[in-house]
Amino acid sequence: MAKFGMIPMAMKPFSMFSKKPEMRTKIRKKVYEEQLDLLQQELIKVQAWATKTGARIAVLFEGRDTAGKGGVIKRITEHLAPRFCRIVAMPTPSERETTQWYF
């Protein structure tokens, strides 16, 4: 099992926009499911730690409409305890806010 901050070699970042042809192919569903399972286990550990210590964690997904944010959020949070995990939709940013970065 991976420790916090450690990413197994099989879980290196994947990009469909890579300039290398071998990096443009999709990963197999079995590999995807295995990696997702490992990441969900780590997220459950983080949730248990945050509950125990009283820490608060905010995760922000930013993207355009129909970018797949909802599916990603659902997939990531499906094994978390709903009592400690809250999902909130942010309003559309104002014209001034669109020029600023979230930090």
Protein backbone atom coordinates (compact mmCIF):
# COMPACT_ATOMS: atom_id res chain seq x y z
CA MET A 1 0.00 0.00 0.00
CA ALA A 2 1.32 3.43 -0.90
CA LYS A 3 2.13 5.96 1.81
CA PHE A 4 0.96 9.55 1.61
CA GLY A 5 2.91 11.45 -1.01
CA MET A 6 4.20 8.31 -2.71
CA ILE A 7 2.92 7.57 -6.21
CA PRO A 8 3.56 4.06 -7.57
CA MET A 9 5.26 3.91 -10.96
CA ALA A 10 2.04 2.64 -12.61
CA MET A 11 0.23 5.78 -11.45
CA LYS A 12 2.38 8.39 -13.17
CA PRO A 13 0.40 11.29 -14.71
CA PHE A 14 -1.33 10.51 -17.98
CA SER A 15 -1.97 13.02 -20.74
CA MET A 16 -3.86 12.56 -23.99
CA PHE A 17 -2.09 15.70 -25.24
CA SER A 18 1.45 14.41 -24.80
CA LYS A 19 3.79 14.90 -27.72
CA LYS A 20 5.02 11.33 -27.37
CA PRO A 21 2.79 8.95 -29.40
CA GLU A 22 3.03 6.16 -26.81
CA MET A 23 1.55 8.50 -24.15
CA ARG A 24 -1.57 9.33 -26.19
CA THR A 25 -3.25 5.95 -25.82
CA LYS A 26 -5.93 5.32 -23.22
CA ILE A 27 -5.16 3.16 -20.22
CA ARG A 28 -6.96 -0.15 -19.93
CA LYS A 29 -10.09 -0.27 -17.79
CA LYS A 30 -8.57 -2.86 -15.42
CA VAL A 31 -5.52 -0.65 -14.81
CA TYR A 32 -7.80 2.37 -14.32
CA GLU A 33 -9.97 0.50 -11.80
CA GLU A 34 -6.91 -0.72 -9.86
CA GLN A 35 -5.41 2.77 -9.69
CA LEU A 36 -8.75 4.29 -8.71
CA ASP A 37 -9.16 1.70 -5.94
CA LEU A 38 -5.71 2.54 -4.52
CA LEU A 39 -6.42 6.26 -4.61
CA GLN A 40 -9.82 5.81 -2.97
CA GLN A 41 -8.21 3.79 -0.16
CA GLU A 42 -5.74 6.61 0.43
CA LEU A 43 -8.57 9.15 0.40
CA ILE A 44 -10.42 7.14 3.05
CA LYS A 45 -7.26 7.22 5.18
CA VAL A 46 -7.06 10.99 4.76
CA GLN A 47 -10.71 11.30 5.74
CA ALA A 48 -10.12 9.21 8.88
CA TRP A 49 -7.09 11.36 9.77
CA ALA A 50 -9.03 14.60 9.22
CA THR A 51 -11.90 13.32 11.37
CA LYS A 52 -9.53 12.26 14.15
CA THR A 53 -7.49 15.49 14.18
CA GLY A 54 -10.32 17.91 13.37
CA ALA A 55 -8.53 19.10 10.25
CA ARG A 56 -10.55 20.59 7.41
CA ILE A 57 -9.75 19.92 3.79
CA ALA A 58 -11.06 21.77 0.73
CA VAL A 59 -10.69 20.40 -2.79
CA LEU A 60 -11.58 22.59 -5.74
CA PHE A 61 -12.33 21.30 -9.24
CA GLU A 62 -12.28 24.02 -11.85
CA GLY A 63 -13.22 23.55 -15.48
CA ARG A 64 -15.57 24.55 -18.24
CA ASP A 65 -19.09 23.22 -18.67
CA THR A 66 -19.31 19.59 -19.76
CA ALA A 67 -15.66 19.04 -18.83
CA GLY A 68 -16.56 15.93 -16.80
CA LYS A 69 -16.11 17.47 -13.35
CA GLY A 70 -19.32 15.92 -11.99
CA GLY A 71 -18.33 12.41 -13.02
CA VAL A 72 -14.86 12.79 -11.55
CA ILE A 73 -16.20 14.12 -8.26
CA LYS A 74 -18.77 11.31 -8.03
CA ARG A 75 -16.18 8.65 -8.81
CA ILE A 76 -13.68 9.99 -6.26
CA THR A 77 -16.14 10.50 -3.42
CA GLU A 78 -18.29 7.38 -3.83
CA HIS A 79 -16.56 5.53 -0.95
CA LEU A 80 -16.28 8.46 1.46
CA ALA A 81 -18.62 8.80 4.43
CA PRO A 82 -21.29 11.35 3.45
CA ARG A 83 -21.45 12.66 7.01
CA PHE A 84 -17.91 14.05 6.63
CA CYS A 85 -17.83 14.83 2.91
CA ARG A 86 -19.82 17.73 1.48
CA ILE A 87 -19.99 18.66 -2.20
CA VAL A 88 -20.95 22.24 -3.03
CA ALA A 89 -21.50 23.79 -6.46
CA MET A 90 -19.93 27.22 -6.68
CA PRO A 91 -21.81 30.01 -8.47
CA THR A 92 -20.62 31.31 -11.80
CA PRO A 93 -17.75 33.75 -11.17
CA SER A 94 -18.26 37.45 -11.81
CA GLU A 95 -16.42 39.16 -14.62
CA ARG A 96 -13.77 40.37 -12.15
CA GLU A 97 -13.40 36.91 -10.59
CA THR A 98 -12.82 35.26 -13.98
CA THR A 99 -9.52 37.15 -14.28
CA GLN A 100 -8.28 35.87 -10.88
CA TRP A 101 -6.74 32.55 -9.90
CA TYR A 102 -7.97 30.34 -7.07
CA PHE A 103 -5.27 29.78 -4.46
